[in-house]
């Protein structure tokens, strides 16, 4: 089995595991039809995958292979052991994705597309896949640029992409962890309770807890919130301008960035 196939099997396994766990250890009550949301979010994912394949092909993995063949990037000039390179790549790309996440909250044009992700009325494993295709293309272009600059091995990129996808599913999942375990995990990684705060309807909370994998960036760079204003099961999720299922159909999600959007949630100046 090729490494890409292994990554897909792991991704599918995590998705199904989180989906099952949400039925038994649900953290936050649902306010919208899970079946409808799951259908919409998976359909959006299918469009995203098709868009990336059509525009970039194998994307970041292909970029790593191309960089290696042509001697591009920092790691093609460094004679580091592969395991050290992999760790360094994962940590650096993790920081860059954290910064990218802040940028899509700061820059008006990017926020117009990112709001699709935040508009979900519930938060579960499928929310980790809910992105507008134009945002996905922009994100992939950003990652490819980083890969060309770094010149990491194909294996390092595959591992990072696997972590990126797996942690997106875990951190968005609607599961409850034992309080002590959540507290311990938060010292290293982003937990569902930590990330759920980021999806709060409250602007101050939406603009915090930007990490997707390592929690250290939020802690060290001042964007960490330990607790929301409300208890976890009472957090109101989404954005205040889109509160009905009809407004959040697949068609409306695809068109949302081109209509009036809730700029009051973004971080750019003049929207307090």
C-alpha atoms as a PDB file:
ATOM      1  CA  UNK A   1       0.000   0.000   0.000  1.00  0.00           C
ATOM      2  CA  UNK A   2       1.410   3.396  -1.008  1.00  0.00           C
ATOM      3  CA  UNK A   3       1.953   6.066   1.623  1.00  0.00           C
ATOM      4  CA  UNK A   4      -0.830   8.265   0.211  1.00  0.00           C
ATOM      5  CA  UNK A   5      -3.262   5.359   0.506  1.00  0.00           C
ATOM      6  CA  UNK A   6      -2.138   4.745   4.082  1.00  0.00           C
ATOM      7  CA  UNK A   7      -2.758   8.417   4.863  1.00  0.00           C
ATOM      8  CA  UNK A   8      -6.282   8.192   3.436  1.00  0.00           C
ATOM      9  CA  UNK A   9      -7.053   5.033   5.442  1.00  0.00           C
ATOM     10  CA  UNK A  10      -5.847   6.735   8.638  1.00  0.00           C
ATOM     11  CA  UNK A  11      -7.887   9.847   7.803  1.00  0.00           C
ATOM     12  CA  UNK A  12     -11.019   7.775   7.180  1.00  0.00           C
ATOM     13  CA  UNK A  13     -10.434   5.801  10.367  1.00  0.00           C
ATOM     14  CA  UNK A  14     -10.154   8.968  12.487  1.00  0.00           C
ATOM     15  CA  UNK A  15     -13.249  10.450  10.835  1.00  0.00           C
ATOM     16  CA  UNK A  16     -15.364   7.360  11.508  1.00  0.00           C
ATOM     17  CA  UNK A  17     -14.021   6.998  15.061  1.00  0.00           C
ATOM     18  CA  UNK A  18     -14.882  10.607  15.932  1.00  0.00           C
ATOM     19  CA  UNK A  19     -18.290  10.232  14.283  1.00  0.00           C
ATOM     20  CA  UNK A  20     -19.041   7.166  16.413  1.00  0.00           C
ATOM     21  CA  UNK A  21     -17.715   8.726  19.621  1.00  0.00           C
ATOM     22  CA  UNK A  22     -19.930  11.783  19.060  1.00  0.00           C
ATOM     23  CA  UNK A  23     -22.930   9.500  19.422  1.00  0.00           C
ATOM     24  CA  UNK A  24     -21.804   8.241  22.829  1.00  0.00           C
ATOM     25  CA  UNK A  25     -19.848  11.055  24.496  1.00  0.00           C
ATOM     26  CA  UNK A  26     -21.365  14.195  22.981  1.00  0.00           C
ATOM     27  CA  UNK A  27     -20.122  17.432  24.545  1.00  0.00           C
ATOM     28  CA  UNK A  28     -22.368  20.100  23.019  1.00  0.00           C
ATOM     29  CA  UNK A  29     -26.094  19.751  22.190  1.00  0.00           C
ATOM     30  CA  UNK A  30     -26.896  19.940  18.481  1.00  0.00           C
ATOM     31  CA  UNK A  31     -29.114  22.742  17.190  1.00  0.00           C
ATOM     32  CA  UNK A  32     -29.271  21.746  13.527  1.00  0.00           C
ATOM     33  CA  UNK A  33     -29.873  18.489  11.671  1.00  0.00           C
ATOM     34  CA  UNK A  34     -26.655  16.468  11.879  1.00  0.00           C
ATOM     35  CA  UNK A  35     -27.609  14.431   8.809  1.00  0.00           C
ATOM     36  CA  UNK A  36     -28.151  17.578   6.733  1.00  0.00           C
ATOM     37  CA  UNK A  37     -24.955  19.230   7.958  1.00  0.00           C
ATOM     38  CA  UNK A  38     -22.942  16.063   7.394  1.00  0.00           C
ATOM     39  CA  UNK A  39     -24.236  15.854   3.824  1.00  0.00           C
ATOM     40  CA  UNK A  40     -23.446  19.517   3.130  1.00  0.00           C
ATOM     41  CA  UNK A  41     -19.988  19.433   4.731  1.00  0.00           C
ATOM     42  CA  UNK A  42     -18.997  16.248   2.900  1.00  0.00           C
ATOM     43  CA  UNK A  43     -20.303  17.634  -0.389  1.00  0.00           C
ATOM     44  CA  UNK A  44     -18.223  20.771   0.177  1.00  0.00           C
ATOM     45  CA  UNK A  45     -15.225  18.539   0.886  1.00  0.00           C
ATOM     46  CA  UNK A  46     -15.753  16.704  -2.391  1.00  0.00           C
ATOM     47  CA  UNK A  47     -15.786  20.015  -4.271  1.00  0.00           C
ATOM     48  CA  UNK A  48     -12.616  21.087  -2.425  1.00  0.00           C
ATOM     49  CA  UNK A  49     -10.776  17.881  -3.329  1.00  0.00           C
ATOM     50  CA  UNK A  50     -11.826  18.171  -6.963  1.00  0.00           C
ATOM     51  CA  UNK A  51     -10.721  21.814  -7.106  1.00  0.00           C
ATOM     52  CA  UNK A  52      -7.282  21.025  -5.643  1.00  0.00           C
ATOM     53  CA  UNK A  53      -6.798  18.058  -7.983  1.00  0.00           C
ATOM     54  CA  UNK A  54      -7.767  20.098 -11.018  1.00  0.00           C
ATOM     55  CA  UNK A  55      -5.600  23.098 -10.138  1.00  0.00           C
ATOM     56  CA  UNK A  56      -2.624  21.615  -8.282  1.00  0.00           C
ATOM     57  CA  UNK A  57      -2.691  17.843  -8.798  1.00  0.00           C
ATOM     58  CA  UNK A  58      -0.911  16.174  -5.872  1.00  0.00           C
ATOM     59  CA  UNK A  59      -0.263  19.654  -4.430  1.00  0.00           C
ATOM     60  CA  UNK A  60       2.102  19.835  -1.432  1.00  0.00           C
ATOM     61  CA  UNK A  61       3.423  16.296  -1.856  1.00  0.00           C
ATOM     62  CA  UNK A  62       4.189  16.931  -5.538  1.00  0.00           C
ATOM     63  CA  UNK A  63       5.845  20.227  -4.561  1.00  0.00           C
ATOM     64  CA  UNK A  64       8.138  18.366  -2.152  1.00  0.00           C
ATOM     65  CA  UNK A  65       9.072  15.857  -4.829  1.00  0.00           C
ATOM     66  CA  UNK A  66       9.743  18.623  -7.356  1.00  0.00           C
ATOM     67  CA  UNK A  67      11.829  20.621  -4.848  1.00  0.00           C
ATOM     68  CA  UNK A  68      13.889  17.525  -4.055  1.00  0.00           C
ATOM     69  CA  UNK A  69      14.530  16.711  -7.705  1.00  0.00           C
ATOM     70  CA  UNK A  70      15.631  20.282  -8.427  1.00  0.00           C
ATOM     71  CA  UNK A  71      17.540  20.984  -5.233  1.00  0.00           C
ATOM     72  CA  UNK A  72      15.202  23.733  -4.086  1.00  0.00           C
ATOM     73  CA  UNK A  73      14.743  24.747  -0.470  1.00  0.00           C
ATOM     74  CA  UNK A  74      16.659  24.957   2.781  1.00  0.00           C
ATOM     75  CA  UNK A  75      16.766  21.255   3.657  1.00  0.00           C
ATOM     76  CA  UNK A  76      18.363  20.381   0.332  1.00  0.00           C
ATOM     77  CA  UNK A  77      21.406  22.338   1.589  1.00  0.00           C
ATOM     78  CA  UNK A  78      21.402  20.900   5.101  1.00  0.00           C
ATOM     79  CA  UNK A  79      22.763  17.467   5.907  1.00  0.00           C
ATOM     80  CA  UNK A  80      20.426  16.741   8.797  1.00  0.00           C
ATOM     81  CA  UNK A  81      19.258  13.251   9.822  1.00  0.00           C
ATOM     82  CA  UNK A  82      15.838  12.568   8.325  1.00  0.00           C
ATOM     83  CA  UNK A  83      14.095  12.236  11.692  1.00  0.00           C
ATOM     84  CA  UNK A  84      15.326  15.678  12.801  1.00  0.00           C
ATOM     85  CA  UNK A  85      14.226  17.156   9.482  1.00  0.00           C
ATOM     86  CA  UNK A  86      10.756  15.646   9.852  1.00  0.00           C
ATOM     87  CA  UNK A  87      10.333  17.066  13.372  1.00  0.00           C
ATOM     88  CA  UNK A  88      11.582  20.493  12.268  1.00  0.00           C
ATOM     89  CA  UNK A  89       9.258  20.525   9.256  1.00  0.00           C
ATOM     90  CA  UNK A  90       6.230  19.568  11.348  1.00  0.00           C
ATOM     91  CA  UNK A  91       6.916  22.267  13.958  1.00  0.00           C
ATOM     92  CA  UNK A  92       7.660  25.000  11.416  1.00  0.00           C
ATOM     93  CA  UNK A  93       4.674  24.232   9.169  1.00  0.00           C
ATOM     94  CA  UNK A  94       2.470  24.051  12.246  1.00  0.00           C
ATOM     95  CA  UNK A  95       3.525  27.590  13.167  1.00  0.00           C
ATOM     96  CA  UNK A  96       2.919  28.769   9.603  1.00  0.00           C
ATOM     97  CA  UNK A  97      -0.610  27.321   9.558  1.00  0.00           C
ATOM     98  CA  UNK A  98      -1.283  29.083  12.885  1.00  0.00           C
ATOM     99  CA  UNK A  99      -0.122  32.369  11.317  1.00  0.00           C
ATOM    100  CA  UNK A 100      -2.171  31.684   8.199  1.00  0.00           C
ATOM    101  CA  UNK A 101      -5.244  31.167  10.384  1.00  0.00           C
ATOM    102  CA  UNK A 102      -4.725  34.548  12.007  1.00  0.00           C
ATOM    103  CA  UNK A 103      -4.294  36.169   8.600  1.00  0.00           C
ATOM    104  CA  UNK A 104      -7.652  34.881   7.337  1.00  0.00           C
ATOM    105  CA  UNK A 105      -9.211  36.644  10.327  1.00  0.00           C
ATOM    106  CA  UNK A 106      -7.243  39.855   9.727  1.00  0.00           C
ATOM    107  CA  UNK A 107      -7.398  40.403   5.967  1.00  0.00           C
ATOM    108  CA  UNK A 108     -10.913  41.291   4.707  1.00  0.00           C
ATOM    109  CA  UNK A 109     -10.679  39.369   1.427  1.00  0.00           C
ATOM    110  CA  UNK A 110      -9.611  36.160   3.162  1.00  0.00           C
ATOM    111  CA  UNK A 111     -12.217  36.524   5.897  1.00  0.00           C
ATOM    112  CA  UNK A 112     -14.965  36.615   3.265  1.00  0.00           C
ATOM    113  CA  UNK A 113     -14.156  32.981   2.457  1.00  0.00           C
ATOM    114  CA  UNK A 114     -13.186  31.793   5.936  1.00  0.00           C
ATOM    115  CA  UNK A 115     -16.579  32.813   7.290  1.00  0.00           C
ATOM    116  CA  UNK A 116     -18.000  29.729   5.538  1.00  0.00           C
ATOM    117  CA  UNK A 117     -16.090  27.612   8.048  1.00  0.00           C
ATOM    118  CA  UNK A 118     -17.315  29.672  11.008  1.00  0.00           C
ATOM    119  CA  UNK A 119     -20.944  29.754   9.890  1.00  0.00           C
ATOM    120  CA  UNK A 120     -21.612  26.182  11.048  1.00  0.00           C
ATOM    121  CA  UNK A 121     -24.345  26.187  13.694  1.00  0.00           C
ATOM    122  CA  UNK A 122     -22.894  23.067  15.294  1.00  0.00           C
ATOM    123  CA  UNK A 123     -19.351  21.827  15.640  1.00  0.00           C
ATOM    124  CA  UNK A 124     -18.474  18.213  14.948  1.00  0.00           C
ATOM    125  CA  UNK A 125     -15.969  16.122  13.037  1.00  0.00           C
ATOM    126  CA  UNK A 126     -17.429  17.181   9.679  1.00  0.00           C
ATOM    127  CA  UNK A 127     -16.840  20.855  10.543  1.00  0.00           C
ATOM    128  CA  UNK A 128     -13.124  20.186  10.183  1.00  0.00           C
ATOM    129  CA  UNK A 129     -13.785  19.669   6.462  1.00  0.00           C
ATOM    130  CA  UNK A 130     -16.076  22.660   5.954  1.00  0.00           C
ATOM    131  CA  UNK A 131     -14.113  25.182   3.878  1.00  0.00           C
ATOM    132  CA  UNK A 132     -14.912  27.189   0.782  1.00  0.00           C
ATOM    133  CA  UNK A 133     -13.010  25.799  -2.246  1.00  0.00           C
ATOM    134  CA  UNK A 134     -11.351  29.168  -2.919  1.00  0.00           C
ATOM    135  CA  UNK A 135      -9.998  29.225   0.643  1.00  0.00           C
ATOM    136  CA  UNK A 136      -8.721  25.661   0.181  1.00  0.00           C
ATOM    137  CA  UNK A 137      -6.952  26.639  -3.049  1.00  0.00           C
ATOM    138  CA  UNK A 138      -5.375  29.658  -1.340  1.00  0.00           C
ATOM    139  CA  UNK A 139      -4.287  27.525   1.606  1.00  0.00           C
ATOM    140  CA  UNK A 140      -2.754  24.935  -0.702  1.00  0.00           C
ATOM    141  CA  UNK A 141      -0.891  27.626  -2.629  1.00  0.00           C
ATOM    142  CA  UNK A 142       0.493  28.928   0.683  1.00  0.00           C
ATOM    143  CA  UNK A 143       1.642  25.446   1.722  1.00  0.00           C
ATOM    144  CA  UNK A 144       3.238  24.768  -1.646  1.00  0.00           C
ATOM    145  CA  UNK A 145       5.192  28.001  -1.363  1.00  0.00           C
ATOM    146  CA  UNK A 146       6.429  26.934   2.077  1.00  0.00           C
ATOM    147  CA  UNK A 147       7.415  23.516   0.744  1.00  0.00           C
ATOM    148  CA  UNK A 148       9.391  25.050  -2.124  1.00  0.00           C
ATOM    149  CA  UNK A 149      11.192  27.308   0.364  1.00  0.00           C
ATOM    150  CA  UNK A 150      11.937  24.515   2.849  1.00  0.00           C
ATOM    151  CA  UNK A 151      12.677  21.666   0.445  1.00  0.00           C
ATOM    152  CA  UNK A 152      11.529  18.955   2.889  1.00  0.00           C
ATOM    153  CA  UNK A 153      11.373  15.271   2.055  1.00  0.00           C
ATOM    154  CA  UNK A 154       8.164  13.867   0.608  1.00  0.00           C
ATOM    155  CA  UNK A 155       7.781  11.736   3.741  1.00  0.00           C
ATOM    156  CA  UNK A 156       7.938  14.822   5.999  1.00  0.00           C
ATOM    157  CA  UNK A 157       5.180  16.537   3.994  1.00  0.00           C
ATOM    158  CA  UNK A 158       2.988  13.432   3.981  1.00  0.00           C
ATOM    159  CA  UNK A 159       3.356  13.092   7.758  1.00  0.00           C
ATOM    160  CA  UNK A 160       2.564  16.773   8.290  1.00  0.00           C
ATOM    161  CA  UNK A 161      -0.482  16.610   6.010  1.00  0.00           C
ATOM    162  CA  UNK A 162      -1.655  13.524   7.903  1.00  0.00           C
ATOM    163  CA  UNK A 163      -1.319  15.349  11.226  1.00  0.00           C
ATOM    164  CA  UNK A 164      -3.038  18.430   9.793  1.00  0.00           C
ATOM    165  CA  UNK A 165      -6.026  16.409   8.608  1.00  0.00           C
ATOM    166  CA  UNK A 166      -6.232  14.174  11.669  1.00  0.00           C
ATOM    167  CA  UNK A 167      -6.022  17.018  14.177  1.00  0.00           C
ATOM    168  CA  UNK A 168      -8.606  19.059  12.242  1.00  0.00           C
ATOM    169  CA  UNK A 169     -11.033  16.157  12.673  1.00  0.00           C
ATOM    170  CA  UNK A 170     -10.171  15.660  16.357  1.00  0.00           C
ATOM    171  CA  UNK A 171     -10.215  19.331  17.398  1.00  0.00           C
ATOM    172  CA  UNK A 172     -13.570  19.982  15.697  1.00  0.00           C
ATOM    173  CA  UNK A 173     -15.221  16.841  17.039  1.00  0.00           C
ATOM    174  CA  UNK A 174     -18.169  17.071  19.417  1.00  0.00           C
ATOM    175  CA  UNK A 175     -16.785  14.785  22.104  1.00  0.00           C
ATOM    176  CA  UNK A 176     -16.199  15.234  25.800  1.00  0.00           C
ATOM    177  CA  UNK A 177     -12.856  14.347  27.332  1.00  0.00           C
ATOM    178  CA  UNK A 178     -12.264  13.842  31.066  1.00  0.00           C
ATOM    179  CA  UNK A 179     -11.442  17.252  32.515  1.00  0.00           C
ATOM    180  CA  UNK A 180      -8.029  16.157  33.791  1.00  0.00           C
ATOM    181  CA  UNK A 181      -7.105  14.611  30.433  1.00  0.00           C
ATOM    182  CA  UNK A 182      -8.217  17.739  28.550  1.00  0.00           C
ATOM    183  CA  UNK A 183      -6.132  19.914  30.855  1.00  0.00           C
ATOM    184  CA  UNK A 184      -3.023  17.741  30.321  1.00  0.00           C
ATOM    185  CA  UNK A 185      -3.475  17.477  26.546  1.00  0.00           C
ATOM    186  CA  UNK A 186      -3.873  21.252  26.205  1.00  0.00           C
ATOM    187  CA  UNK A 187      -0.279  21.767  27.277  1.00  0.00           C
ATOM    188  CA  UNK A 188       0.746  20.137  23.994  1.00  0.00           C
ATOM    189  CA  UNK A 189      -2.135  19.927  21.519  1.00  0.00           C
ATOM    190  CA  UNK A 190      -5.446  21.598  20.707  1.00  0.00           C
ATOM    191  CA  UNK A 191      -8.405  19.768  22.242  1.00  0.00           C
ATOM    192  CA  UNK A 192     -12.062  19.918  21.133  1.00  0.00           C
ATOM    193  CA  UNK A 193     -12.990  22.099  24.133  1.00  0.00           C
ATOM    194  CA  UNK A 194     -10.159  24.510  23.351  1.00  0.00           C
ATOM    195  CA  UNK A 195     -11.096  24.833  19.692  1.00  0.00           C
ATOM    196  CA  UNK A 196     -14.844  25.035  20.341  1.00  0.00           C
ATOM    197  CA  UNK A 197     -14.198  28.401  21.990  1.00  0.00           C
ATOM    198  CA  UNK A 198     -12.787  29.624  18.659  1.00  0.00           C
ATOM    199  CA  UNK A 199     -16.140  28.838  17.024  1.00  0.00           C
ATOM    200  CA  UNK A 200     -18.135  30.822  19.585  1.00  0.00           C
ATOM    201  CA  UNK A 201     -20.488  33.539  18.386  1.00  0.00           C
ATOM    202  CA  UNK A 202     -18.621  35.935  20.705  1.00  0.00           C
ATOM    203  CA  UNK A 203     -16.072  37.995  18.742  1.00  0.00           C
ATOM    204  CA  UNK A 204     -13.427  37.943  21.470  1.00  0.00           C
ATOM    205  CA  UNK A 205     -13.615  34.150  21.567  1.00  0.00           C
ATOM    206  CA  UNK A 206     -13.744  33.737  17.778  1.00  0.00           C
ATOM    207  CA  UNK A 207     -10.475  35.638  17.588  1.00  0.00           C
ATOM    208  CA  UNK A 208      -8.624  33.362  19.992  1.00  0.00           C
ATOM    209  CA  UNK A 209      -7.352  29.768  20.075  1.00  0.00           C
ATOM    210  CA  UNK A 210      -6.171  29.771  16.454  1.00  0.00           C
ATOM    211  CA  UNK A 211      -3.995  26.663  16.706  1.00  0.00           C
ATOM    212  CA  UNK A 212      -4.951  23.451  14.960  1.00  0.00           C
ATOM    213  CA  UNK A 213      -2.367  21.019  16.343  1.00  0.00           C
ATOM    214  CA  UNK A 214       0.208  22.364  18.803  1.00  0.00           C
ATOM    215  CA  UNK A 215      -1.315  24.614  21.482  1.00  0.00           C
ATOM    216  CA  UNK A 216       1.990  26.334  22.264  1.00  0.00           C
ATOM    217  CA  UNK A 217       1.557  29.045  19.618  1.00  0.00           C
ATOM    218  CA  UNK A 218      -1.632  30.380  21.192  1.00  0.00           C
ATOM    219  CA  UNK A 219      -0.054  30.271  24.640  1.00  0.00           C
ATOM    220  CA  UNK A 220       3.241  31.916  23.683  1.00  0.00           C
ATOM    221  CA  UNK A 221       1.813  34.506  21.291  1.00  0.00           C
ATOM    222  CA  UNK A 222      -1.063  35.734  23.458  1.00  0.00           C
ATOM    223  CA  UNK A 223      -4.103  34.353  21.619  1.00  0.00           C
ATOM    224  CA  UNK A 224      -5.063  31.693  24.164  1.00  0.00           C
ATOM    225  CA  UNK A 225      -8.327  31.631  26.115  1.00  0.00           C
ATOM    226  CA  UNK A 226      -8.704  28.990  28.795  1.00  0.00           C
ATOM    227  CA  UNK A 227     -12.471  29.225  29.226  1.00  0.00           C
ATOM    228  CA  UNK A 228     -15.357  30.779  27.304  1.00  0.00           C
ATOM    229  CA  UNK A 229     -17.858  33.156  28.904  1.00  0.00           C
ATOM    230  CA  UNK A 230     -20.380  30.317  28.929  1.00  0.00           C
ATOM    231  CA  UNK A 231     -19.963  26.699  29.987  1.00  0.00           C
ATOM    232  CA  UNK A 232     -18.945  24.441  27.107  1.00  0.00           C
ATOM    233  CA  UNK A 233     -22.408  22.906  26.496  1.00  0.00           C
ATOM    234  CA  UNK A 234     -23.934  26.409  26.460  1.00  0.00           C
ATOM    235  CA  UNK A 235     -21.551  28.057  23.964  1.00  0.00           C
ATOM    236  CA  UNK A 236     -23.486  29.486  21.014  1.00  0.00           C
ATOM    237  CA  UNK A 237     -21.651  28.506  17.859  1.00  0.00           C
ATOM    238  CA  UNK A 238     -21.474  30.174  14.450  1.00  0.00           C
ATOM    239  CA  UNK A 239     -21.852  33.813  13.435  1.00  0.00           C
ATOM    240  CA  UNK A 240     -24.818  35.973  14.310  1.00  0.00           C
ATOM    241  CA  UNK A 241     -25.814  36.859  10.720  1.00  0.00           C
ATOM    242  CA  UNK A 242     -26.469  33.260   9.642  1.00  0.00           C
ATOM    243  CA  UNK A 243     -28.725  31.423  12.059  1.00  0.00           C
ATOM    244  CA  UNK A 244     -31.015  29.228   9.929  1.00  0.00           C
ATOM    245  CA  UNK A 245     -30.511  26.034   7.935  1.00  0.00           C
ATOM    246  CA  UNK A 246     -31.902  27.706   4.833  1.00  0.00           C
ATOM    247  CA  UNK A 247     -29.153  30.339   4.903  1.00  0.00           C
ATOM    248  CA  UNK A 248     -26.542  27.585   5.182  1.00  0.00           C
ATOM    249  CA  UNK A 249     -27.416  25.343   2.261  1.00  0.00           C
ATOM    250  CA  UNK A 250     -24.594  24.106   0.032  1.00  0.00           C
ATOM    251  CA  UNK A 251     -25.510  26.635  -2.649  1.00  0.00           C
ATOM    252  CA  UNK A 252     -25.575  29.508  -0.157  1.00  0.00           C
ATOM    253  CA  UNK A 253     -22.231  28.466   1.348  1.00  0.00           C
ATOM    254  CA  UNK A 254     -20.601  28.560  -2.072  1.00  0.00           C
ATOM    255  CA  UNK A 255     -22.110  31.998  -2.740  1.00  0.00           C
ATOM    256  CA  UNK A 256     -21.631  33.375   0.785  1.00  0.00           C
ATOM    257  CA  UNK A 257     -18.242  35.109   0.184  1.00  0.00           C
ATOM    258  CA  UNK A 258     -19.782  37.108  -2.654  1.00  0.00           C
ATOM    259  CA  UNK A 259     -22.644  38.459  -0.543  1.00  0.00           C
ATOM    260  CA  UNK A 260     -22.812  40.626   2.570  1.00  0.00           C
ATOM    261  CA  UNK A 261     -20.796  38.890   5.276  1.00  0.00           C
ATOM    262  CA  UNK A 262     -20.398  39.505   9.022  1.00  0.00           C
ATOM    263  CA  UNK A 263     -17.241  41.639   9.014  1.00  0.00           C
ATOM    264  CA  UNK A 264     -17.674  42.417  12.694  1.00  0.00           C
ATOM    265  CA  UNK A 265     -16.052  39.063  13.486  1.00  0.00           C
ATOM    266  CA  UNK A 266     -12.818  39.691  11.652  1.00  0.00           C
ATOM    267  CA  UNK A 267      -9.815  41.357  13.206  1.00  0.00           C
ATOM    268  CA  UNK A 268      -9.144  44.060  10.638  1.00  0.00           C
ATOM    269  CA  UNK A 269      -9.303  47.662  11.901  1.00  0.00           C
ATOM    270  CA  UNK A 270     -12.610  49.465  12.134  1.00  0.00           C
ATOM    271  CA  UNK A 271     -14.760  46.481  12.994  1.00  0.00           C
ATOM    272  CA  UNK A 272     -15.094  46.590  16.744  1.00  0.00           C
END
